Amino acid sequence: MRGLLFTGGEMPDMAVASLFFGAYEFSVAADSGLEAALRAGIVPDLAIGDMDSIRSRTLLDALPPDRVERWDVDKDYTDTELALSAMQKRGVDEVVLVGGSGGRLDHLFAIEDLFRRDFYPELWISGETIVAVVEGGTRRAGLVIDGLEDSMPLSVFPVVSRGGTTAGMSCRAEGLHWSIDGLAWDAGGYSLSNRVEGPRVRIAADTGRFMVVLPASGGLKLSYL
């Protein structure tokens, strides 16, 4: 089941972001992510968090009480973590994260840490970029990106799961200017601001998890193999 998770921070252009939402069955807003959800024309199935960042309380008052889960400000989890956990409990297995960039750097680090967990977003739509995850041995092992513009930047970073290691990580790609095949990921390697050559790129993770980062563009089409 696919779900949308709207979080705070810089909102993406919802006209572009909505093109990547797909056929979702559940939506949740973490704190001020409620504003982003409503801007996208979506009344979330659940609004969760300490609600300390929402600019107008009337937004919460307009939701049915059973769609709001309030937490204390002093807690052990971020609002986005709470939202992700709520999605997992409801059977969501495909998470699209919307928002979360800009603002405080420590909050951005906390978002990045979500991708190191066993249950993580497969797609992150932020203010200026889109991040898609590929992971060897899963249904996300291969990714095809269509609708690219020649010389568009594309970056690939290894993601080390909690308690994991980059040893043995392997990722291949077709359609990039600089090859990433055989890159020494276990020695701290990554591919920053690579360039696409042509309208299509294929990326396959043989072993390990990787984040594929590219500019947000409404002309892109992402498909897992």
N, C-alpha and C. Protein backbone atom coordinates (compact mmCIF):
# COMPACT_ATOMS: atom_id res chain seq x y z
N MET A 1 0.85 -1.19 0.00
CA MET A 1 0.00 0.00 0.00
C MET A 1 0.89 1.24 0.00
N ARG A 2 0.54 2.19 -0.85
CA ARG A 2 1.33 3.41 -0.99
C ARG A 2 0.75 4.51 -0.11
N GLY A 3 1.64 5.29 0.51
CA GLY A 3 1.20 6.36 1.37
C GLY A 3 2.02 7.61 1.18
N LEU A 4 1.41 8.76 1.45
CA LEU A 4 2.08 10.05 1.37
C LEU A 4 2.34 10.56 2.77
N LEU A 5 3.57 11.06 2.99
CA LEU A 5 3.93 11.64 4.28
C LEU A 5 4.36 13.08 4.05
N PHE A 6 3.54 14.00 4.49
CA PHE A 6 3.85 15.43 4.37
C PHE A 6 4.51 15.89 5.66
N THR A 7 5.67 16.50 5.54
CA THR A 7 6.36 17.00 6.73
C THR A 7 6.65 18.48 6.57
N GLY A 8 7.25 19.08 7.62
CA GLY A 8 7.49 20.51 7.60
C GLY A 8 8.69 20.89 6.76
N GLY A 9 9.16 22.11 6.96
CA GLY A 9 10.27 22.60 6.15
C GLY A 9 9.80 23.25 4.87
N GLU A 10 10.70 23.36 3.93
CA GLU A 10 10.40 23.99 2.65
C GLU A 10 9.43 23.14 1.84
N MET A 11 8.35 23.74 1.38
CA MET A 11 7.38 23.00 0.58
C MET A 11 7.81 22.97 -0.88
N PRO A 12 7.67 21.82 -1.54
CA PRO A 12 7.93 21.79 -2.97
C PRO A 12 6.78 22.42 -3.74
N ASP A 13 7.00 22.63 -5.01
CA ASP A 13 5.93 23.07 -5.90
C ASP A 13 4.95 21.91 -6.02
N MET A 14 3.77 22.06 -5.45
CA MET A 14 2.83 20.95 -5.41
C MET A 14 2.33 20.54 -6.79
N ALA A 15 2.37 21.46 -7.75
CA ALA A 15 1.99 21.10 -9.12
C ALA A 15 2.97 20.08 -9.69
N VAL A 16 4.23 20.21 -9.30
CA VAL A 16 5.25 19.24 -9.73
C VAL A 16 5.23 18.01 -8.83
N ALA A 17 5.20 18.24 -7.53
CA ALA A 17 5.27 17.13 -6.57
C ALA A 17 4.14 16.13 -6.77
N SER A 18 2.94 16.63 -7.04
CA SER A 18 1.78 15.75 -7.17
C SER A 18 1.91 14.77 -8.33
N LEU A 19 2.76 15.09 -9.30
CA LEU A 19 2.97 14.19 -10.43
C LEU A 19 3.65 12.89 -10.00
N PHE A 20 4.27 12.91 -8.82
CA PHE A 20 4.98 11.73 -8.33
C PHE A 20 4.26 11.04 -7.18
N PHE A 21 3.08 11.51 -6.83
CA PHE A 21 2.37 10.91 -5.70
C PHE A 21 1.93 9.48 -6.01
N GLY A 22 1.53 9.22 -7.24
CA GLY A 22 1.04 7.90 -7.60
C GLY A 22 -0.32 7.61 -6.98
N ALA A 23 -0.73 6.36 -7.09
CA ALA A 23 -2.03 5.93 -6.55
C ALA A 23 -1.85 5.57 -5.08
N TYR A 24 -2.06 6.52 -4.20
CA TYR A 24 -1.86 6.30 -2.77
C TYR A 24 -3.19 5.96 -2.09
N GLU A 25 -3.08 5.26 -0.96
CA GLU A 25 -4.27 4.86 -0.20
C GLU A 25 -4.32 5.47 1.20
N PHE A 26 -3.22 6.08 1.61
CA PHE A 26 -3.18 6.65 2.96
C PHE A 26 -2.29 7.88 2.94
N SER A 27 -2.68 8.90 3.68
CA SER A 27 -1.87 10.12 3.75
C SER A 27 -1.79 10.59 5.19
N VAL A 28 -0.61 11.07 5.57
CA VAL A 28 -0.40 11.54 6.93
C VAL A 28 0.40 12.83 6.89
N ALA A 29 0.08 13.74 7.78
CA ALA A 29 0.80 15.01 7.89
C ALA A 29 1.48 15.07 9.24
N ALA A 30 2.78 15.34 9.22
CA ALA A 30 3.54 15.51 10.45
C ALA A 30 3.61 16.99 10.79
N ASP A 31 2.91 17.38 11.85
CA ASP A 31 2.91 18.77 12.32
C ASP A 31 2.58 19.72 11.18
N SER A 32 3.47 20.67 10.87
CA SER A 32 3.17 21.68 9.86
C SER A 32 3.11 21.10 8.45
N GLY A 33 3.39 19.82 8.32
CA GLY A 33 3.16 19.16 7.03
C GLY A 33 1.69 19.21 6.65
N LEU A 34 0.83 19.48 7.64
CA LEU A 34 -0.60 19.64 7.34
C LEU A 34 -0.82 20.77 6.35
N GLU A 35 -0.06 21.84 6.49
CA GLU A 35 -0.20 22.96 5.56
C GLU A 35 0.19 22.56 4.14
N ALA A 36 1.23 21.74 4.03
CA ALA A 36 1.66 21.26 2.72
C ALA A 36 0.62 20.35 2.10
N ALA A 37 0.05 19.46 2.91
CA ALA A 37 -0.97 18.55 2.41
C ALA A 37 -2.18 19.32 1.88
N LEU A 38 -2.63 20.29 2.66
CA LEU A 38 -3.79 21.06 2.23
C LEU A 38 -3.48 21.88 0.99
N ARG A 39 -2.25 22.36 0.87
CA ARG A 39 -1.87 23.10 -0.33
C ARG A 39 -1.92 22.19 -1.56
N ALA A 40 -1.66 20.91 -1.33
CA ALA A 40 -1.73 19.94 -2.43
C ALA A 40 -3.17 19.50 -2.69
N GLY A 41 -4.10 20.02 -1.91
CA GLY A 41 -5.51 19.66 -2.09
C GLY A 41 -5.88 18.36 -1.42
N ILE A 42 -5.07 17.95 -0.43
CA ILE A 42 -5.29 16.67 0.24
C ILE A 42 -5.61 16.90 1.72
N VAL A 43 -6.73 16.37 2.17
CA VAL A 43 -7.06 16.36 3.59
C VAL A 43 -6.52 15.04 4.14
N PRO A 44 -5.48 15.08 4.96
CA PRO A 44 -4.82 13.83 5.36
C PRO A 44 -5.70 12.94 6.22
N ASP A 45 -5.43 11.65 6.13
CA ASP A 45 -6.14 10.68 6.96
C ASP A 45 -5.71 10.80 8.42
N LEU A 46 -4.50 11.34 8.62
CA LEU A 46 -3.98 11.50 9.98
C LEU A 46 -3.06 12.71 10.04
N ALA A 47 -3.23 13.53 11.07
CA ALA A 47 -2.29 14.60 11.39
C ALA A 47 -1.68 14.25 12.73
N ILE A 48 -0.35 14.19 12.80
CA ILE A 48 0.31 13.69 14.00
C ILE A 48 1.48 14.58 14.38
N GLY A 49 1.75 14.68 15.68
CA GLY A 49 2.90 15.45 16.15
C GLY A 49 2.54 16.34 17.32
N ASP A 50 3.51 17.18 17.72
CA ASP A 50 3.25 18.09 18.84
C ASP A 50 2.54 19.37 18.40
N MET A 51 2.44 19.58 17.10
CA MET A 51 1.68 20.69 16.50
C MET A 51 2.20 22.06 16.92
N ASP A 52 3.50 22.14 17.19
CA ASP A 52 4.05 23.42 17.62
C ASP A 52 4.48 24.31 16.46
N SER A 53 4.42 23.79 15.23
CA SER A 53 4.87 24.56 14.07
C SER A 53 3.75 25.00 13.15
N ILE A 54 2.54 24.56 13.43
CA ILE A 54 1.41 24.95 12.59
C ILE A 54 1.06 26.41 12.85
N ARG A 55 0.98 27.18 11.79
CA ARG A 55 0.77 28.62 11.95
C ARG A 55 -0.65 28.97 12.33
N SER A 56 -1.60 28.14 11.94
CA SER A 56 -3.00 28.43 12.24
C SER A 56 -3.68 27.21 12.85
N ARG A 57 -4.12 27.33 14.07
CA ARG A 57 -4.79 26.23 14.75
C ARG A 57 -6.12 25.88 14.11
N THR A 58 -6.67 26.80 13.34
CA THR A 58 -7.95 26.52 12.70
C THR A 58 -7.82 25.37 11.70
N LEU A 59 -6.61 25.15 11.19
CA LEU A 59 -6.40 24.03 10.26
C LEU A 59 -6.65 22.70 10.97
N LEU A 60 -6.17 22.60 12.21
CA LEU A 60 -6.40 21.38 12.99
C LEU A 60 -7.86 21.25 13.39
N ASP A 61 -8.47 22.37 13.76
CA ASP A 61 -9.86 22.35 14.21
C ASP A 61 -10.80 21.89 13.11
N ALA A 62 -10.36 22.05 11.85
CA ALA A 62 -11.22 21.65 10.73
C ALA A 62 -11.19 20.14 10.48
N LEU A 63 -10.24 19.45 11.13
CA LEU A 63 -10.15 18.00 10.94
C LEU A 63 -11.01 17.28 11.98
N PRO A 64 -11.57 16.14 11.61
CA PRO A 64 -12.29 15.33 12.61
C PRO A 64 -11.33 14.93 13.72
N PRO A 65 -11.78 14.91 14.97
CA PRO A 65 -10.89 14.59 16.10
C PRO A 65 -10.17 13.25 15.95
N ASP A 66 -10.83 12.27 15.30
CA ASP A 66 -10.19 10.96 15.18
C ASP A 66 -9.07 10.94 14.13
N ARG A 67 -8.87 12.07 13.46
CA ARG A 67 -7.78 12.17 12.48
C ARG A 67 -6.58 12.94 13.04
N VAL A 68 -6.65 13.31 14.29
CA VAL A 68 -5.57 14.10 14.91
C VAL A 68 -4.98 13.32 16.08
N GLU A 69 -3.67 13.15 16.07
CA GLU A 69 -2.96 12.48 17.16
C GLU A 69 -1.90 13.44 17.70
N ARG A 70 -2.19 14.01 18.86
CA ARG A 70 -1.30 15.01 19.46
C ARG A 70 -0.29 14.35 20.40
N TRP A 71 0.94 14.86 20.34
CA TRP A 71 2.01 14.42 21.22
C TRP A 71 2.57 15.61 21.98
N ASP A 72 3.19 15.33 23.12
CA ASP A 72 3.85 16.38 23.88
C ASP A 72 5.06 16.90 23.10
N VAL A 73 5.41 18.15 23.35
CA VAL A 73 6.60 18.72 22.72
C VAL A 73 7.85 17.98 23.17
N ASP A 74 7.91 17.61 24.45
CA ASP A 74 9.05 16.85 24.98
C ASP A 74 8.81 15.37 24.73
N LYS A 75 9.52 14.83 23.75
CA LYS A 75 9.33 13.43 23.37
C LYS A 75 10.63 12.90 22.78
N ASP A 76 10.66 11.58 22.57
CA ASP A 76 11.89 10.93 22.10
C ASP A 76 11.94 10.78 20.58
N TYR A 77 10.90 11.22 19.89
CA TYR A 77 10.83 11.03 18.45
C TYR A 77 10.48 12.34 17.75
N THR A 78 10.96 12.50 16.53
CA THR A 78 10.53 13.65 15.75
C THR A 78 9.11 13.39 15.24
N ASP A 79 8.44 14.46 14.84
CA ASP A 79 7.09 14.31 14.29
C ASP A 79 7.09 13.44 13.04
N THR A 80 8.14 13.56 12.23
CA THR A 80 8.24 12.76 11.01
C THR A 80 8.43 11.28 11.34
N GLU A 81 9.21 11.00 12.38
CA GLU A 81 9.37 9.61 12.83
C GLU A 81 8.03 9.04 13.28
N LEU A 82 7.27 9.83 14.02
CA LEU A 82 5.95 9.38 14.48
C LEU A 82 5.04 9.08 13.30
N ALA A 83 5.09 9.94 12.29
CA ALA A 83 4.25 9.73 11.11
C ALA A 83 4.66 8.47 10.37
N LEU A 84 5.97 8.25 10.24
CA LEU A 84 6.45 7.06 9.54
C LEU A 84 6.05 5.79 10.28
N SER A 85 6.13 5.83 11.60
CA SER A 85 5.72 4.68 12.41
C SER A 85 4.23 4.41 12.26
N ALA A 86 3.42 5.48 12.23
CA ALA A 86 1.98 5.32 12.06
C ALA A 86 1.65 4.68 10.72
N MET A 87 2.40 5.02 9.71
CA MET A 87 2.17 4.45 8.38
C MET A 87 2.51 2.97 8.36
N GLN A 88 3.62 2.62 8.99
CA GLN A 88 4.01 1.21 9.03
C GLN A 88 2.97 0.37 9.77
N LYS A 89 2.44 0.90 10.87
CA LYS A 89 1.43 0.16 11.64
C LYS A 89 0.15 -0.05 10.84
N ARG A 90 -0.11 0.83 9.88
CA ARG A 90 -1.34 0.73 9.07
C ARG A 90 -1.12 -0.06 7.79
N GLY A 91 0.04 -0.66 7.64
CA GLY A 91 0.28 -1.53 6.50
C GLY A 91 0.84 -0.85 5.26
N VAL A 92 1.24 0.41 5.39
CA VAL A 92 1.86 1.10 4.25
C VAL A 92 3.25 0.52 4.03
N ASP A 93 3.58 0.17 2.79
CA ASP A 93 4.91 -0.35 2.50
C ASP A 93 5.63 0.45 1.41
N GLU A 94 4.97 1.48 0.87
CA GLU A 94 5.61 2.41 -0.06
C GLU A 94 5.35 3.82 0.45
N VAL A 95 6.41 4.50 0.85
CA VAL A 95 6.26 5.83 1.44
C VAL A 95 6.86 6.89 0.52
N VAL A 96 6.05 7.90 0.22
CA VAL A 96 6.52 9.08 -0.51
C VAL A 96 6.59 10.22 0.49
N LEU A 97 7.79 10.72 0.75
CA LEU A 97 7.99 11.81 1.69
C LEU A 97 7.96 13.14 0.94
N VAL A 98 7.16 14.07 1.42
CA VAL A 98 6.98 15.36 0.75
C VAL A 98 7.39 16.48 1.71
N GLY A 99 8.36 17.30 1.29
CA GLY A 99 8.84 18.39 2.13
C GLY A 99 10.07 17.98 2.92
N GLY A 100 10.43 18.78 3.91
CA GLY A 100 11.52 18.41 4.80
C GLY A 100 12.86 19.06 4.51
N SER A 101 12.98 19.81 3.42
CA SER A 101 14.25 20.47 3.14
C SER A 101 14.20 21.92 3.63
N GLY A 102 15.35 22.61 3.56
CA GLY A 102 15.41 23.99 4.01
C GLY A 102 15.38 24.08 5.53
N GLY A 103 15.51 25.29 6.05
CA GLY A 103 15.42 25.49 7.49
C GLY A 103 16.62 24.98 8.25
N ARG A 104 16.40 24.45 9.43
CA ARG A 104 17.47 24.03 10.33
C ARG A 104 18.21 22.81 9.79
N LEU A 105 19.53 22.87 9.86
CA LEU A 105 20.35 21.79 9.34
C LEU A 105 20.20 20.51 10.17
N ASP A 106 20.00 20.65 11.48
CA ASP A 106 19.83 19.46 12.31
C ASP A 106 18.56 18.70 11.94
N HIS A 107 17.52 19.43 11.55
CA HIS A 107 16.30 18.77 11.09
C HIS A 107 16.54 18.02 9.79
N LEU A 108 17.37 18.60 8.91
CA LEU A 108 17.69 17.93 7.66
C LEU A 108 18.47 16.65 7.92
N PHE A 109 19.40 16.68 8.89
CA PHE A 109 20.13 15.47 9.25
C PHE A 109 19.17 14.39 9.75
N ALA A 110 18.17 14.80 10.51
CA ALA A 110 17.20 13.85 11.05
C ALA A 110 16.38 13.21 9.92
N ILE A 111 16.05 13.99 8.90
CA ILE A 111 15.34 13.44 7.74
C ILE A 111 16.24 12.43 7.02
N GLU A 112 17.50 12.80 6.81
CA GLU A 112 18.43 11.90 6.12
C GLU A 112 18.57 10.58 6.87
N ASP A 113 18.52 10.64 8.19
CA ASP A 113 18.66 9.43 9.00
C ASP A 113 17.52 8.45 8.79
N LEU A 114 16.36 8.93 8.35
CA LEU A 114 15.23 8.03 8.10
C LEU A 114 15.58 6.97 7.07
N PHE A 115 16.45 7.32 6.13
CA PHE A 115 16.78 6.41 5.03
C PHE A 115 17.77 5.33 5.46
N ARG A 116 18.23 5.38 6.69
CA ARG A 116 19.14 4.36 7.21
C ARG A 116 18.39 3.25 7.96
N ARG A 117 17.08 3.36 8.03
CA ARG A 117 16.30 2.43 8.82
C ARG A 117 15.73 1.30 7.96
N ASP A 118 15.19 0.31 8.65
CA ASP A 118 14.61 -0.82 7.92
C ASP A 118 13.36 -0.40 7.15
N PHE A 119 12.59 0.51 7.74
CA PHE A 119 11.38 1.04 7.08
C PHE A 119 11.65 2.50 6.74
N TYR A 120 11.75 2.81 5.48
CA TYR A 120 12.20 4.13 5.05
C TYR A 120 11.40 4.59 3.83
N PRO A 121 11.39 5.89 3.54
CA PRO A 121 10.72 6.38 2.33
C PRO A 121 11.47 5.91 1.08
N GLU A 122 10.72 5.54 0.06
CA GLU A 122 11.38 5.16 -1.20
C GLU A 122 11.54 6.36 -2.12
N LEU A 123 10.79 7.43 -1.84
CA LEU A 123 10.86 8.63 -2.66
C LEU A 123 10.73 9.85 -1.74
N TRP A 124 11.59 10.84 -1.98
CA TRP A 124 11.58 12.08 -1.20
C TRP A 124 11.50 13.25 -2.17
N ILE A 125 10.41 14.01 -2.07
CA ILE A 125 10.21 15.18 -2.92
C ILE A 125 10.40 16.41 -2.06
N SER A 126 11.50 17.11 -2.28
CA SER A 126 11.79 18.29 -1.47
C SER A 126 11.63 19.55 -2.32
N GLY A 127 12.12 20.66 -1.79
CA GLY A 127 11.89 21.93 -2.48
C GLY A 127 12.45 21.99 -3.88
N GLU A 128 13.67 21.49 -4.08
CA GLU A 128 14.32 21.60 -5.38
C GLU A 128 14.76 20.26 -5.96
N THR A 129 14.71 19.21 -5.17
CA THR A 129 15.23 17.93 -5.63
C THR A 129 14.26 16.78 -5.37
N ILE A 130 14.53 15.69 -6.07
CA ILE A 130 13.84 14.43 -5.84
C ILE A 130 14.89 13.38 -5.50
N VAL A 131 14.63 12.61 -4.47
CA VAL A 131 15.52 11.53 -4.08
C VAL A 131 14.76 10.21 -4.21
N ALA A 132 15.31 9.28 -4.97
CA ALA A 132 14.75 7.94 -5.09
C ALA A 132 15.76 6.95 -4.53
N VAL A 133 15.29 5.92 -3.88
CA VAL A 133 16.15 4.93 -3.25
C VAL A 133 16.18 3.65 -4.08
N VAL A 134 17.36 3.12 -4.29
CA VAL A 134 17.51 1.79 -4.87
C VAL A 134 18.24 0.91 -3.86
N GLU A 135 17.82 -0.35 -3.77
CA GLU A 135 18.43 -1.27 -2.80
C GLU A 135 18.49 -2.67 -3.38
N GLY A 136 19.69 -3.24 -3.39
CA GLY A 136 19.86 -4.58 -3.92
C GLY A 136 19.06 -5.62 -3.16
N GLY A 137 18.53 -6.60 -3.90
CA GLY A 137 17.78 -7.69 -3.28
C GLY A 137 16.37 -7.35 -2.90
N THR A 138 15.87 -6.18 -3.32
CA THR A 138 14.49 -5.78 -3.03
C THR A 138 13.78 -5.41 -4.33
N ARG A 139 12.52 -5.09 -4.24
CA ARG A 139 11.79 -4.68 -5.43
C ARG A 139 12.24 -3.31 -5.93
N ARG A 140 13.07 -2.64 -5.14
CA ARG A 140 13.62 -1.35 -5.52
C ARG A 140 15.05 -1.48 -6.05
N ALA A 141 15.44 -2.66 -6.48
CA ALA A 141 16.83 -2.89 -6.90
C ALA A 141 17.18 -2.13 -8.17
N GLY A 142 16.22 -1.92 -9.05
CA GLY A 142 16.49 -1.23 -10.31
C GLY A 142 15.55 -0.07 -10.53
N LEU A 143 16.08 1.02 -11.08
CA LEU A 143 15.29 2.23 -11.30
C LEU A 143 15.55 2.74 -12.71
N VAL A 144 14.48 3.07 -13.42
CA VAL A 144 14.58 3.72 -14.73
C VAL A 144 14.03 5.14 -14.60
N ILE A 145 14.80 6.11 -15.05
CA ILE A 145 14.37 7.51 -15.01
C ILE A 145 14.28 8.00 -16.45
N ASP A 146 13.08 8.37 -16.88
CA ASP A 146 12.84 8.88 -18.22
C ASP A 146 12.51 10.37 -18.17
N GLY A 147 12.62 11.03 -19.32
CA GLY A 147 12.27 12.44 -19.41
C GLY A 147 13.37 13.37 -18.96
N LEU A 148 14.60 12.87 -18.91
CA LEU A 148 15.73 13.69 -18.47
C LEU A 148 16.20 14.62 -19.59
N GLU A 149 16.77 15.73 -19.18
CA GLU A 149 17.37 16.65 -20.13
C GLU A 149 18.87 16.41 -20.17
N ASP A 150 19.44 16.52 -21.35
CA ASP A 150 20.87 16.28 -21.51
C ASP A 150 21.67 17.17 -20.58
N SER A 151 22.67 16.60 -19.92
CA SER A 151 23.57 17.28 -18.97
C SER A 151 22.91 17.63 -17.64
N MET A 152 21.70 17.15 -17.40
CA MET A 152 21.06 17.36 -16.10
C MET A 152 21.90 16.69 -15.02
N PRO A 153 22.14 17.36 -13.88
CA PRO A 153 22.93 16.74 -12.82
C PRO A 153 22.19 15.60 -12.12
N LEU A 154 22.95 14.59 -11.76
CA LEU A 154 22.40 13.45 -11.02
C LEU A 154 23.50 12.94 -10.09
N SER A 155 23.16 12.72 -8.83
CA SER A 155 24.13 12.27 -7.85
C SER A 155 23.67 10.95 -7.23
N VAL A 156 24.65 10.15 -6.81
CA VAL A 156 24.36 8.87 -6.17
C VAL A 156 25.20 8.76 -4.90
N PHE A 157 24.54 8.48 -3.78
CA PHE A 157 25.22 8.35 -2.49
C PHE A 157 24.88 7.00 -1.86
N PRO A 158 25.86 6.35 -1.27
CA PRO A 158 25.56 5.12 -0.54
C PRO A 158 24.87 5.45 0.78
N VAL A 159 23.98 4.58 1.21
CA VAL A 159 23.28 4.75 2.48
C VAL A 159 23.65 3.58 3.37
N VAL A 160 24.23 3.88 4.49
CA VAL A 160 24.62 2.83 5.43
C VAL A 160 23.52 2.66 6.47
N SER A 161 22.92 1.49 6.50
CA SER A 161 21.88 1.25 7.49
C SER A 161 22.47 1.27 8.88
N ARG A 162 21.61 1.49 9.87
CA ARG A 162 22.09 1.54 11.25
C ARG A 162 22.79 0.24 11.63
N GLY A 163 24.01 0.36 12.06
CA GLY A 163 24.78 -0.82 12.42
C GLY A 163 25.38 -1.53 11.22
N GLY A 164 25.19 -0.96 10.02
CA GLY A 164 25.68 -1.59 8.81
C GLY A 164 27.04 -1.08 8.37
N THR A 165 27.43 -1.45 7.16
CA THR A 165 28.72 -1.06 6.61
C THR A 165 28.61 -0.92 5.10
N THR A 166 29.50 -0.17 4.51
CA THR A 166 29.52 -0.02 3.06
C THR A 166 30.27 -1.16 2.37
N ALA A 167 30.85 -2.06 3.14
CA ALA A 167 31.62 -3.16 2.56
C ALA A 167 30.76 -3.98 1.61
N GLY A 168 31.26 -4.20 0.41
CA GLY A 168 30.56 -5.03 -0.56
C GLY A 168 29.47 -4.33 -1.34
N MET A 169 29.23 -3.04 -1.10
CA MET A 169 28.18 -2.32 -1.81
C MET A 169 28.53 -2.20 -3.30
N SER A 170 27.53 -2.35 -4.14
CA SER A 170 27.75 -2.30 -5.58
C SER A 170 26.55 -1.69 -6.28
N CYS A 171 26.81 -0.74 -7.18
CA CYS A 171 25.74 -0.07 -7.92
C CYS A 171 26.23 0.23 -9.33
N ARG A 172 25.36 0.03 -10.32
CA ARG A 172 25.70 0.24 -11.72
C ARG A 172 24.71 1.22 -12.35
N ALA A 173 25.13 1.85 -13.43
CA ALA A 173 24.24 2.80 -14.12
C ALA A 173 24.54 2.84 -15.61
N GLU A 174 23.50 3.14 -16.38
CA GLU A 174 23.63 3.39 -17.81
C GLU A 174 23.07 4.78 -18.09
N GLY A 175 23.75 5.54 -18.93
CA GLY A 175 23.26 6.85 -19.32
C GLY A 175 23.88 8.00 -18.57
N LEU A 176 24.95 7.73 -17.80
CA LEU A 176 25.65 8.79 -17.09
C LEU A 176 26.98 9.11 -17.77
N HIS A 177 27.42 10.34 -17.66
CA HIS A 177 28.68 10.76 -18.30
C HIS A 177 29.87 10.05 -17.67
N TRP A 178 29.86 9.97 -16.32
CA TRP A 178 30.94 9.28 -15.61
C TRP A 178 30.40 7.99 -15.04
N SER A 179 31.08 6.90 -15.33
CA SER A 179 30.62 5.59 -14.85
C SER A 179 30.72 5.50 -13.33
N ILE A 180 29.72 4.87 -12.73
CA ILE A 180 29.76 4.59 -11.30
C ILE A 180 30.00 3.10 -11.05
N ASP A 181 30.09 2.32 -12.11
CA ASP A 181 30.34 0.89 -11.98
C ASP A 181 31.72 0.69 -11.34
N GLY A 182 31.77 -0.05 -10.29
CA GLY A 182 33.03 -0.31 -9.64
C GLY A 182 33.54 0.80 -8.75
N LEU A 183 32.72 1.81 -8.51
CA LEU A 183 33.12 2.89 -7.62
C LEU A 183 33.37 2.33 -6.21
N ALA A 184 34.42 2.84 -5.56
CA ALA A 184 34.80 2.33 -4.24
C ALA A 184 33.90 2.90 -3.16
N TRP A 185 32.66 2.42 -3.10
CA TRP A 185 31.71 2.91 -2.11
C TRP A 185 32.22 2.65 -0.70
N ASP A 186 32.90 1.50 -0.50
CA ASP A 186 33.37 1.16 0.84
C ASP A 186 34.54 2.02 1.29
N ALA A 187 35.11 2.81 0.38
CA ALA A 187 36.19 3.73 0.73
C ALA A 187 35.69 5.17 0.82
N GLY A 188 34.37 5.32 0.95
CA GLY A 188 33.79 6.65 1.06
C GLY A 188 33.41 7.27 -0.26
N GLY A 189 33.36 6.45 -1.31
CA GLY A 189 33.05 6.98 -2.64
C GLY A 189 31.60 7.37 -2.81
N TYR A 190 31.35 8.35 -3.66
CA TYR A 190 30.01 8.75 -4.07
C TYR A 190 30.14 9.47 -5.40
N SER A 191 29.03 9.65 -6.07
CA SER A 191 29.03 10.34 -7.36
C SER A 191 28.23 11.63 -7.21
N LEU A 192 28.93 12.75 -7.21
CA LEU A 192 28.30 14.05 -7.01
C LEU A 192 28.26 14.83 -8.32
N SER A 193 27.09 15.34 -8.67
CA SER A 193 26.91 16.16 -9.87
C SER A 193 27.42 15.46 -11.12
N ASN A 194 27.10 14.17 -11.22
CA ASN A 194 27.32 13.46 -12.48
C ASN A 194 26.39 14.09 -13.51
N ARG A 195 26.52 13.74 -14.77
CA ARG A 195 25.67 14.32 -15.81
C ARG A 195 25.00 13.22 -16.61
N VAL A 196 23.74 13.43 -16.91
CA VAL A 196 23.03 12.45 -17.73
C VAL A 196 23.32 12.71 -19.19
N GLU A 197 23.30 11.65 -19.95
CA GLU A 197 23.51 11.75 -21.39
C GLU A 197 22.32 11.11 -22.09
N GLY A 198 21.40 11.93 -22.49
CA GLY A 198 20.19 11.42 -23.11
C GLY A 198 19.01 11.45 -22.17
N PRO A 199 17.85 11.03 -22.67
CA PRO A 199 16.60 11.16 -21.89
C PRO A 199 16.36 10.06 -20.87
N ARG A 200 17.21 9.02 -20.85
CA ARG A 200 16.95 7.89 -19.94
C ARG A 200 18.22 7.49 -19.20
N VAL A 201 18.04 7.18 -17.91
CA VAL A 201 19.11 6.62 -17.09
C VAL A 201 18.57 5.38 -16.40
N ARG A 202 19.38 4.34 -16.37
CA ARG A 202 19.06 3.12 -15.62
C ARG A 202 20.07 2.98 -14.49
N ILE A 203 19.57 2.71 -13.30
CA ILE A 203 20.44 2.52 -12.14
C ILE A 203 20.03 1.22 -11.45
N ALA A 204 21.02 0.39 -11.17
CA ALA A 204 20.76 -0.90 -10.54
C ALA A 204 21.68 -1.08 -9.35
N ALA A 205 21.09 -1.40 -8.20
CA ALA A 205 21.87 -1.71 -7.01
C ALA A 205 22.00 -3.22 -6.89
N ASP A 206 23.23 -3.71 -6.97
CA ASP A 206 23.47 -5.14 -6.80
C ASP A 206 23.46 -5.51 -5.33
N THR A 207 24.16 -4.71 -4.54
CA THR A 207 24.25 -4.93 -3.10
C THR A 207 24.25 -3.58 -2.39
N GLY A 208 23.44 -3.45 -1.37
CA GLY A 208 23.42 -2.21 -0.60
C GLY A 208 22.31 -1.27 -1.02
N ARG A 209 22.24 -0.15 -0.31
CA ARG A 209 21.20 0.85 -0.50
C ARG A 209 21.83 2.17 -0.96
N PHE A 210 21.16 2.85 -1.90
CA PHE A 210 21.71 4.08 -2.46
C PHE A 210 20.61 5.11 -2.65
N MET A 211 20.99 6.39 -2.51
CA MET A 211 20.08 7.50 -2.77
C MET A 211 20.47 8.12 -4.11
N VAL A 212 19.48 8.23 -5.00
CA VAL A 212 19.68 8.86 -6.30
C VAL A 212 19.03 10.24 -6.25
N VAL A 213 19.83 11.28 -6.45
CA VAL A 213 19.38 12.66 -6.26
C VAL A 213 19.39 13.39 -7.59
N LEU A 214 18.27 14.02 -7.94
CA LEU A 214 18.18 14.76 -9.19
C LEU A 214 17.23 15.93 -9.03
N PRO A 215 17.31 16.91 -9.92
CA PRO A 215 16.44 18.09 -9.81
C PRO A 215 14.97 17.71 -9.98
N ALA A 216 14.11 18.38 -9.22
CA ALA A 216 12.67 18.16 -9.35
C ALA A 216 12.19 18.75 -10.67
N SER A 217 11.62 17.91 -11.48
CA SER A 217 11.11 18.34 -12.78
C SER A 217 9.86 17.55 -13.11
N GLY A 218 8.83 18.26 -13.54
CA GLY A 218 7.57 17.61 -13.86
C GLY A 218 7.64 16.69 -15.06
N GLY A 219 8.72 16.80 -15.84
CA GLY A 219 8.84 15.95 -17.02
C GLY A 219 9.44 14.59 -16.75
N LEU A 220 9.85 14.33 -15.52
CA LEU A 220 10.50 13.07 -15.18
C LEU A 220 9.47 11.97 -14.93
N LYS A 221 9.88 10.74 -15.25
CA LYS A 221 9.08 9.57 -14.95
C LYS A 221 10.01 8.54 -14.32
N LEU A 222 9.67 8.10 -13.09
CA LEU A 222 10.48 7.14 -12.36
C LEU A 222 9.75 5.82 -12.28
N SER A 223 10.46 4.75 -12.63
CA SER A 223 9.84 3.42 -12.59
C SER A 223 10.84 2.41 -12.02
N TYR A 224 10.37 1.65 -11.02
CA TYR A 224 11.20 0.58 -10.50
C TYR A 224 11.04 -0.65 -11.38
N LEU A 225 12.16 -1.34 -11.60
CA LEU A 225 12.14 -2.52 -12.45
C LEU A 225 11.70 -3.75 -11.67
